[in-house]
PDB file of N, CA and C in Angstrom:
ATOM      1  N   MET A   1       0.865  -1.681  -0.398  1.00  0.00           N
ATOM      2  CA  MET A   1      -0.459  -0.295  -0.001  1.00  0.00           C
ATOM      3  C   MET A   1       0.393   1.893   0.259  1.00  0.00           C
ATOM      4  N   GLY A   2       1.925   1.360   0.107  1.00  0.00           N
ATOM      5  CA  GLY A   2       2.849   2.133   0.668  1.00  0.00           C
ATOM      6  C   GLY A   2       3.178   3.126   1.302  1.00  0.00           C
ATOM      7  N   GLY A   3       2.578   2.978   1.851  1.00  0.00           N
ATOM      8  CA  GLY A   3       2.368   3.801   3.168  1.00  0.00           C
ATOM      9  C   GLY A   3       0.944   4.437   3.544  1.00  0.00           C
ATOM     10  N   ALA A   4       0.159   3.743   2.287  1.00  0.00           N
ATOM     11  CA  ALA A   4      -0.835   4.750   2.168  1.00  0.00           C
ATOM     12  C   ALA A   4      -1.216   4.843   3.993  1.00  0.00           C
ATOM     13  N   SER A   5      -2.572   5.982   4.770  1.00  0.00           N
ATOM     14  CA  SER A   5      -3.426   6.545   5.472  1.00  0.00           C
ATOM     15  C   SER A   5      -4.799   6.154   5.743  1.00  0.00           C
ATOM     16  N   ARG A   6      -5.010   6.998   4.585  1.00  0.00           N
ATOM     17  CA  ARG A   6      -6.665   7.409   5.150  1.00  0.00           C
ATOM     18  C   ARG A   6      -7.581   6.130   3.316  1.00  0.00           C
ATOM     19  N   GLN A   7      -8.492   6.090   3.688  1.00  0.00           N
ATOM     20  CA  GLN A   7      -9.157   5.419   2.674  1.00  0.00           C
ATOM     21  C   GLN A   7     -10.371   6.615   2.468  1.00  0.00           C
ATOM     22  N   ARG A   8     -10.333   6.729   0.954  1.00  0.00           N
ATOM     23  CA  ARG A   8     -11.817   7.972   0.965  1.00  0.00           C
ATOM     24  C   ARG A   8     -12.831   7.400   0.353  1.00  0.00           C
ATOM     25  N   VAL A   9     -14.202   7.475   0.254  1.00  0.00           N
ATOM     26  CA  VAL A   9     -15.342   7.315   0.813  1.00  0.00           C
ATOM     27  C   VAL A   9     -15.674   8.178  -0.406  1.00  0.00           C
ATOM     28  N   ARG A  10     -16.500   7.861  -1.465  1.00  0.00           N
ATOM     29  CA  ARG A  10     -16.672   8.771  -3.193  1.00  0.00           C
ATOM     30  C   ARG A  10     -17.688   8.758  -2.844  1.00  0.00           C
ATOM     31  N   ARG A  11     -18.839   9.694  -2.885  1.00  0.00           N
ATOM     32  CA  ARG A  11     -20.377  10.616  -3.198  1.00  0.00           C
ATOM     33  C   ARG A  11     -20.687   8.458  -4.061  1.00  0.00           C
ATOM     34  N   PRO A  12     -21.757   8.114  -3.695  1.00  0.00           N
ATOM     35  CA  PRO A  12     -22.587   7.793  -5.232  1.00  0.00           C
ATOM     36  C   PRO A  12     -23.713   8.513  -6.223  1.00  0.00           C
ATOM     37  N   ARG A  13     -23.568   8.379  -6.779  1.00  0.00           N
ATOM     38  CA  ARG A  13     -24.439   8.901  -8.173  1.00  0.00           C
ATOM     39  C   ARG A  13     -26.294   8.605  -7.015  1.00  0.00           C
ATOM     40  N   PRO A  14     -26.648  10.445  -7.210  1.00  0.00           N
ATOM     41  CA  PRO A  14     -27.803  10.603  -6.859  1.00  0.00           C
ATOM     42  C   PRO A  14     -28.685   9.986  -6.326  1.00  0.00           C
ATOM     43  N   SER A  15     -29.260   8.693  -7.239  1.00  0.00           N
ATOM     44  CA  SER A  15     -30.723   8.036  -7.912  1.00  0.00           C
ATOM     45  C   SER A  15     -29.754   6.634  -7.254  1.00  0.00           C
ATOM     46  N   ARG A  16     -28.274   6.612  -6.557  1.00  0.00           N
ATOM     47  CA  ARG A  16     -28.397   5.418  -6.016  1.00  0.00           C
ATOM     48  C   ARG A  16     -27.848   5.790  -4.420  1.00  0.00           C
ATOM     49  N   ARG A  17     -28.491   6.810  -3.860  1.00  0.00           N
ATOM     50  CA  ARG A  17     -27.631   7.632  -2.498  1.00  0.00           C
ATOM     51  C   ARG A  17     -28.691   7.216  -1.850  1.00  0.00           C
ATOM     52  N   ARG A  18     -30.612   6.307  -1.843  1.00  0.00           N
ATOM     53  CA  ARG A  18     -30.213   5.534  -0.239  1.00  0.00           C
ATOM     54  C   ARG A  18     -30.941   4.164  -1.329  1.00  0.00           C
ATOM     55  N   ASP A  19     -30.030   3.671  -1.797  1.00  0.00           N
ATOM     56  CA  ASP A  19     -30.172   2.124  -1.401  1.00  0.00           C
ATOM     57  C   ASP A  19     -29.541   1.567  -0.789  1.00  0.00           C
ATOM     58  N   PRO A  20     -30.255   0.438  -0.300  1.00  0.00           N
ATOM     59  CA  PRO A  20     -29.360  -0.098   1.227  1.00  0.00           C
ATOM     60  C   PRO A  20     -27.765  -0.845   0.608  1.00  0.00           C
ATOM     61  N   LYS A  21     -27.522  -1.091  -0.720  1.00  0.00           N
ATOM     62  CA  LYS A  21     -27.004  -1.814  -1.302  1.00  0.00           C
ATOM     63  C   LYS A  21     -25.643  -0.701  -1.434  1.00  0.00           C
ATOM     64  N   VAL A  22     -26.202   0.339  -1.420  1.00  0.00           N
ATOM     65  CA  VAL A  22     -24.677   1.059  -1.075  1.00  0.00           C
ATOM     66  C   VAL A  22     -24.378   1.385  -0.374  1.00  0.00           C
ATOM     67  N   ARG A  23     -25.042   2.161   1.495  1.00  0.00           N
ATOM     68  CA  ARG A  23     -24.839   2.262   2.182  1.00  0.00           C
ATOM     69  C   ARG A  23     -24.097   0.805   2.736  1.00  0.00           C
ATOM     70  N   ALA A  24     -24.606  -0.608   2.427  1.00  0.00           N
ATOM     71  CA  ALA A  24     -23.847  -1.389   2.661  1.00  0.00           C
ATOM     72  C   ALA A  24     -22.273  -1.370   2.549  1.00  0.00           C
ATOM     73  N   ILE A  25     -22.391  -1.879   1.508  1.00  0.00           N
ATOM     74  CA  ILE A  25     -20.794  -1.097   0.634  1.00  0.00           C
ATOM     75  C   ILE A  25     -19.935   0.195   1.103  1.00  0.00           C
ATOM     76  N   VAL A  26     -20.434   0.908   1.423  1.00  0.00           N
ATOM     77  CA  VAL A  26     -20.042   1.759   2.143  1.00  0.00           C
ATOM     78  C   VAL A  26     -19.877   1.521   3.926  1.00  0.00           C
ATOM     79  N   ALA A  27     -20.823   0.950   4.308  1.00  0.00           N
ATOM     80  CA  ALA A  27     -20.498   0.404   5.535  1.00  0.00           C
ATOM     81  C   ALA A  27     -19.091  -0.662   5.376  1.00  0.00           C
ATOM     82  N   ALA A  28     -19.404  -1.320   4.796  1.00  0.00           N
ATOM     83  CA  ALA A  28     -17.686  -2.725   4.633  1.00  0.00           C
ATOM     84  C   ALA A  28     -16.624  -1.528   4.349  1.00  0.00           C
ATOM     85  N   ILE A  29     -16.574  -0.997   3.395  1.00  0.00           N
ATOM     86  CA  ILE A  29     -15.167  -0.099   3.201  1.00  0.00           C
ATOM     87  C   ILE A  29     -14.748   0.056   4.413  1.00  0.00           C
ATOM     88  N   ILE A  30     -15.852   1.174   5.111  1.00  0.00           N
ATOM     89  CA  ILE A  30     -15.320   2.015   6.573  1.00  0.00           C
ATOM     90  C   ILE A  30     -15.303   0.433   7.220  1.00  0.00           C
ATOM     91  N   VAL A  31     -15.934   0.087   7.827  1.00  0.00           N
ATOM     92  CA  VAL A  31     -15.472  -1.714   8.667  1.00  0.00           C
ATOM     93  C   VAL A  31     -13.866  -1.750   8.650  1.00  0.00           C
ATOM     94  N   LEU A  32     -13.743  -1.640   7.035  1.00  0.00           N
ATOM     95  CA  LEU A  32     -12.458  -2.860   6.078  1.00  0.00           C
ATOM     96  C   LEU A  32     -10.820  -1.779   6.215  1.00  0.00           C
ATOM     97  N   ALA A  33     -11.594  -0.660   5.853  1.00  0.00           N
ATOM     98  CA  ALA A  33     -10.244   0.277   6.521  1.00  0.00           C
ATOM     99  C   ALA A  33      -9.734   0.391   7.981  1.00  0.00           C
ATOM    100  N   HIS A  34     -10.894   0.644   9.015  1.00  0.00           N
ATOM    101  CA  HIS A  34     -10.796   0.378  10.495  1.00  0.00           C
ATOM    102  C   HIS A  34     -10.010  -0.304  10.501  1.00  0.00           C
ATOM    103  N   ALA A  35      -9.827  -2.213   9.817  1.00  0.00           N
ATOM    104  CA  ALA A  35      -9.512  -3.348  10.243  1.00  0.00           C
ATOM    105  C   ALA A  35      -8.084  -2.905  10.218  1.00  0.00           C
ATOM    106  N   LEU A  36      -7.958  -2.498   8.918  1.00  0.00           N
ATOM    107  CA  LEU A  36      -6.157  -2.403   8.294  1.00  0.00           C
ATOM    108  C   LEU A  36      -5.814  -0.335   9.377  1.00  0.00           C
ATOM    109  N   ASP A  37      -6.550   0.109  10.420  1.00  0.00           N
ATOM    110  CA  ASP A  37      -6.006   1.176  11.307  1.00  0.00           C
ATOM    111  C   ASP A  37      -5.657   1.958  10.220  1.00  0.00           C
ATOM    112  N   LEU A  38      -6.763   2.540   9.469  1.00  0.00           N
ATOM    113  CA  LEU A  38      -6.816   3.644   7.973  1.00  0.00           C
ATOM    114  C   LEU A  38      -7.777   4.227   8.545  1.00  0.00           C
ATOM    115  N   ASN A  39      -7.687   5.799   8.735  1.00  0.00           N
ATOM    116  CA  ASN A  39      -8.433   6.523   9.009  1.00  0.00           C
ATOM    117  C   ASN A  39      -9.284   7.073   7.945  1.00  0.00           C
ATOM    118  N   VAL A  40     -10.423   6.836   7.665  1.00  0.00           N
ATOM    119  CA  VAL A  40     -11.453   6.722   6.622  1.00  0.00           C
ATOM    120  C   VAL A  40     -12.281   8.174   6.494  1.00  0.00           C
ATOM    121  N   VAL A  41     -11.892   9.120   5.394  1.00  0.00           N
ATOM    122  CA  VAL A  41     -12.738  10.524   5.040  1.00  0.00           C
ATOM    123  C   VAL A  41     -13.512  10.246   3.529  1.00  0.00           C
ATOM    124  N   ALA A  42     -14.645  10.705   3.996  1.00  0.00           N
ATOM    125  CA  ALA A  42     -16.337  10.333   3.082  1.00  0.00           C
ATOM    126  C   ALA A  42     -15.608  12.050   2.254  1.00  0.00           C
ATOM    127  N   GLU A  43     -15.622  11.721   0.961  1.00  0.00           N
ATOM    128  CA  GLU A  43     -16.009  13.439   0.781  1.00  0.00           C
ATOM    129  C   GLU A  43     -16.594  13.453  -0.131  1.00  0.00           C
ATOM    130  N   GLY A  44     -17.669  14.969  -0.718  1.00  0.00           N
ATOM    131  CA  GLY A  44     -19.242  14.684  -1.203  1.00  0.00           C
ATOM    132  C   GLY A  44     -20.138  14.976  -0.835  1.00  0.00           C
ATOM    133  N   VAL A  45     -19.492  16.258   0.411  1.00  0.00           N
ATOM    134  CA  VAL A  45     -20.697  14.963   1.509  1.00  0.00           C
ATOM    135  C   VAL A  45     -21.500  16.772   1.600  1.00  0.00           C
ATOM    136  N   GLU A  46     -22.446  16.679   0.986  1.00  0.00           N
ATOM    137  CA  GLU A  46     -23.530  18.133   0.961  1.00  0.00           C
ATOM    138  C   GLU A  46     -25.028  18.260   1.481  1.00  0.00           C
ATOM    139  N   LEU A  47     -25.134  16.799   2.597  1.00  0.00           N
ATOM    140  CA  LEU A  47     -26.610  17.099   2.908  1.00  0.00           C
ATOM    141  C   LEU A  47     -26.085  16.538   4.441  1.00  0.00           C
ATOM    142  N   ALA A  48     -26.567  17.304   5.682  1.00  0.00           N
ATOM    143  CA  ALA A  48     -27.100  16.626   6.938  1.00  0.00           C
ATOM    144  C   ALA A  48     -27.271  14.877   6.418  1.00  0.00           C
ATOM    145  N   SER A  49     -28.436  15.605   5.902  1.00  0.00           N
ATOM    146  CA  SER A  49     -28.601  13.462   5.986  1.00  0.00           C
ATOM    147  C   SER A  49     -27.406  12.189   5.596  1.00  0.00           C
ATOM    148  N   GLN A  50     -26.761  12.896   4.792  1.00  0.00           N
ATOM    149  CA  GLN A  50     -24.728  12.025   4.341  1.00  0.00           C
ATOM    150  C   GLN A  50     -24.064  11.829   5.475  1.00  0.00           C
ATOM    151  N   ARG A  51     -24.570  13.810   6.108  1.00  0.00           N
ATOM    152  CA  ARG A  51     -23.075  13.158   7.582  1.00  0.00           C
ATOM    153  C   ARG A  51     -24.103  12.585   8.348  1.00  0.00           C
ATOM    154  N   GLN A  52     -25.165  12.443   8.419  1.00  0.00           N
ATOM    155  CA  GLN A  52     -25.112  11.250   9.875  1.00  0.00           C
ATOM    156  C   GLN A  52     -25.340  10.154   9.597  1.00  0.00           C
ATOM    157  N   VAL A  53     -25.861   9.368   7.720  1.00  0.00           N
ATOM    158  CA  VAL A  53     -25.281   8.247   8.331  1.00  0.00           C
ATOM    159  C   VAL A  53     -23.783   8.606   8.003  1.00  0.00           C
ATOM    160  N   LEU A  54     -22.797   8.659   7.726  1.00  0.00           N
ATOM    161  CA  LEU A  54     -21.515   8.475   8.229  1.00  0.00           C
ATOM    162  C   LEU A  54     -21.318   8.517   9.109  1.00  0.00           C
ATOM    163  N   ILE A  55     -21.673   9.283  10.257  1.00  0.00           N
ATOM    164  CA  ILE A  55     -21.885   9.059  11.548  1.00  0.00           C
ATOM    165  C   ILE A  55     -22.337   8.346  12.399  1.00  0.00           C
ATOM    166  N   ASP A  56     -22.891   7.304  12.261  1.00  0.00           N
ATOM    167  CA  ASP A  56     -23.077   6.343  12.762  1.00  0.00           C
ATOM    168  C   ASP A  56     -23.345   5.255  11.295  1.00  0.00           C
ATOM    169  N   LEU A  57     -22.132   5.288  10.458  1.00  0.00           N
ATOM    170  CA  LEU A  57     -21.256   4.320  10.558  1.00  0.00           C
ATOM    171  C   LEU A  57     -19.902   3.668  10.597  1.00  0.00           C
ATOM    172  N   GLY A  58     -19.332   5.199  11.174  1.00  0.00           N
ATOM    173  CA  GLY A  58     -18.005   4.986  11.825  1.00  0.00           C
ATOM    174  C   GLY A  58     -17.155   5.864  10.891  1.00  0.00           C
ATOM    175  N   CYS A  59     -17.718   6.480  10.665  1.00  0.00           N
ATOM    176  CA  CYS A  59     -16.616   7.099   9.073  1.00  0.00           C
ATOM    177  C   CYS A  59     -15.844   7.808  10.435  1.00  0.00           C
ATOM    178  N   ASP A  60     -13.968   8.209   9.398  1.00  0.00           N
ATOM    179  CA  ASP A  60     -13.991   9.607  10.710  1.00  0.00           C
ATOM    180  C   ASP A  60     -14.336  10.966  10.195  1.00  0.00           C
ATOM    181  N   GLN A  61     -14.575  11.108   9.169  1.00  0.00           N
ATOM    182  CA  GLN A  61     -13.428  12.703   8.370  1.00  0.00           C
ATOM    183  C   GLN A  61     -14.520  12.852   7.741  1.00  0.00           C
ATOM    184  N   ALA A  62     -15.189  13.555   7.564  1.00  0.00           N
ATOM    185  CA  ALA A  62     -15.929  13.866   5.398  1.00  0.00           C
ATOM    186  C   ALA A  62     -15.540  15.297   5.416  1.00  0.00           C
ATOM    187  N   GLN A  63     -15.967  15.520   4.060  1.00  0.00           N
ATOM    188  CA  GLN A  63     -15.507  17.636   3.356  1.00  0.00           C
ATOM    189  C   GLN A  63     -16.664  16.702   2.076  1.00  0.00           C
ATOM    190  N   GLY A  64     -17.015  18.178   2.354  1.00  0.00           N
ATOM    191  CA  GLY A  64     -17.877  18.988   0.894  1.00  0.00           C
ATOM    192  C   GLY A  64     -18.476  20.245   1.361  1.00  0.00           C
ATOM    193  N   PHE A  65     -19.035  20.392   0.004  1.00  0.00           N
ATOM    194  CA  PHE A  65     -20.100  22.000   0.200  1.00  0.00           C
ATOM    195  C   PHE A  65     -21.153  22.049   1.627  1.00  0.00           C
ATOM    196  N   PHE A  66     -21.862  20.395   2.372  1.00  0.00           N
ATOM    197  CA  PHE A  66     -21.612  20.674   3.285  1.00  0.00           C
ATOM    198  C   PHE A  66     -21.491  21.251   4.165  1.00  0.00           C
ATOM    199  N   TYR A  67     -20.436  21.200   4.815  1.00  0.00           N
ATOM    200  CA  TYR A  67     -19.196  22.047   5.310  1.00  0.00           C
ATOM    201  C   TYR A  67     -18.963  23.475   4.584  1.00  0.00           C
ATOM    202  N   ALA A  68     -18.200  23.949   4.065  1.00  0.00           N
ATOM    203  CA  ALA A  68     -17.912  24.361   3.160  1.00  0.00           C
ATOM    204  C   ALA A  68     -18.276  25.133   1.268  1.00  0.00           C
ATOM    205  N   ALA A  69     -17.839  25.602   0.926  1.00  0.00           N
ATOM    206  CA  ALA A  69     -17.465  25.762  -0.205  1.00  0.00           C
ATOM    207  C   ALA A  69     -16.204  25.999  -1.278  1.00  0.00           C
ATOM    208  N   SER A  70     -15.112  25.686  -1.749  1.00  0.00           N
ATOM    209  CA  SER A  70     -14.404  25.113  -2.192  1.00  0.00           C
ATOM    210  C   SER A  70     -13.609  26.740  -2.270  1.00  0.00           C
ATOM    211  N   GLY A  71     -12.048  26.999  -1.562  1.00  0.00           N
ATOM    212  CA  GLY A  71     -11.939  27.926  -1.773  1.00  0.00           C
ATOM    213  C   GLY A  71     -10.133  28.463  -1.787  1.00  0.00           C
ATOM    214  N   THR A  72      -9.838  29.145  -1.651  1.00  0.00           N
ATOM    215  CA  THR A  72      -8.337  29.318  -1.514  1.00  0.00           C
ATOM    216  C   THR A  72      -7.624  28.509  -0.434  1.00  0.00           C
ATOM    217  N   PRO A  73      -6.552  28.662  -1.310  1.00  0.00           N
ATOM    218  CA  PRO A  73      -5.947  27.943  -0.325  1.00  0.00           C
ATOM    219  C   PRO A  73      -5.395  28.784   1.473  1.00  0.00           C
ATOM    220  N   GLU A  74      -5.595  30.457   1.207  1.00  0.00           N
ATOM    221  CA  GLU A  74      -5.520  30.419   2.721  1.00  0.00           C
ATOM    222  C   GLU A  74      -6.320  30.720   3.568  1.00  0.00           C
ATOM    223  N   GLN A  75      -7.650  30.659   1.573  1.00  0.00           N
ATOM    224  CA  GLN A  75      -9.304  30.246   3.173  1.00  0.00           C
ATOM    225  C   GLN A  75      -8.968  29.605   3.310  1.00  0.00           C
ATOM    226  N   ILE A  76      -8.922  28.014   3.262  1.00  0.00           N
ATOM    227  CA  ILE A  76      -8.810  26.479   3.631  1.00  0.00           C
ATOM    228  C   ILE A  76      -8.171  26.556   5.178  1.00  0.00           C
ATOM    229  N   ASP A  77      -7.118  26.794   5.299  1.00  0.00           N
ATOM    230  CA  ASP A  77      -6.107  27.339   5.953  1.00  0.00           C
ATOM    231  C   ASP A  77      -6.802  27.671   6.950  1.00  0.00           C
ATOM    232  N   ASP A  78      -7.807  28.789   7.096  1.00  0.00           N
ATOM    233  CA  ASP A  78      -8.117  29.159   8.234  1.00  0.00           C
ATOM    234  C   ASP A  78      -9.156  28.666   8.602  1.00  0.00           C
ATOM    235  N   LEU A  79     -10.108  28.104   8.099  1.00  0.00           N
ATOM    236  CA  LEU A  79     -11.173  26.486   8.450  1.00  0.00           C
ATOM    237  C   LEU A  79     -11.160  25.257   8.951  1.00  0.00           C
ATOM    238  N   VAL A  80      -9.377  25.137   8.791  1.00  0.00           N
ATOM    239  CA  VAL A  80      -9.217  24.050   9.397  1.00  0.00           C
ATOM    240  C   VAL A  80      -8.895  24.069  10.948  1.00  0.00           C
ATOM    241  N   LEU A  81      -8.910  22.843  11.908  1.00  0.00           N
ATOM    242  CA  LEU A  81      -8.789  23.025  12.933  1.00  0.00           C
ATOM    243  C   LEU A  81      -7.692  22.031  12.831  1.00  0.00           C
ATOM    244  N   PRO A  82      -6.400  21.499  13.180  1.00  0.00           N
ATOM    245  CA  PRO A  82      -6.540  20.339  14.271  1.00  0.00           C
ATOM    246  C   PRO A  82      -6.614  19.597  15.042  1.00  0.00           C
ATOM    247  N   GLY A  83      -6.866  18.248  14.346  1.00  0.00           N
ATOM    248  CA  GLY A  83      -7.566  17.204  14.970  1.00  0.00           C
ATOM    249  C   GLY A  83      -8.818  17.209  14.573  1.00  0.00           C
ATOM    250  N   SER A  84      -9.400  18.192  13.898  1.00  0.00           N
ATOM    251  CA  SER A  84     -10.993  18.686  13.656  1.00  0.00           C
ATOM    252  C   SER A  84     -11.330  16.689  13.122  1.00  0.00           C
ATOM    253  N   SER A  85     -12.550  16.924  13.482  1.00  0.00           N
ATOM    254  CA  SER A  85     -13.748  15.739  12.368  1.00  0.00           C
ATOM    255  C   SER A  85     -14.957  15.167  12.323  1.00  0.00           C
ATOM    256  N   LEU A  86     -15.226  14.673  12.216  1.00  0.00           N
ATOM    257  CA  LEU A  86     -16.746  14.029  11.533  1.00  0.00           C
ATOM    258  C   LEU A  86     -17.928  15.172  12.315  1.00  0.00           C
ATOM    259  N   GLN A  87     -18.062  14.926  13.323  1.00  0.00           N
ATOM    260  CA  GLN A  87     -19.199  15.819  14.446  1.00  0.00           C
ATOM    261  C   GLN A  87     -18.055  17.173  14.806  1.00  0.00           C
TER     262      GLN A  87
END
């Protein structure tokens, strides 16, 4: 794995977001990553309901428009807190 320490969970297509099979796949990815001692970061979180599902599944961190719009590196530095988590 070349020293990788994170596993990314990408956003499913809108038509599949409520599909229980998609939720099962995301849950399996999170469990597998944690079994490998990896930190899981979900990307593309846009809704509070998506955030809650990720919390319920044990995801470690998330990013996306729910938290903040894209910005310059200087703007991002002001938003990021050391040790920040999904909650």
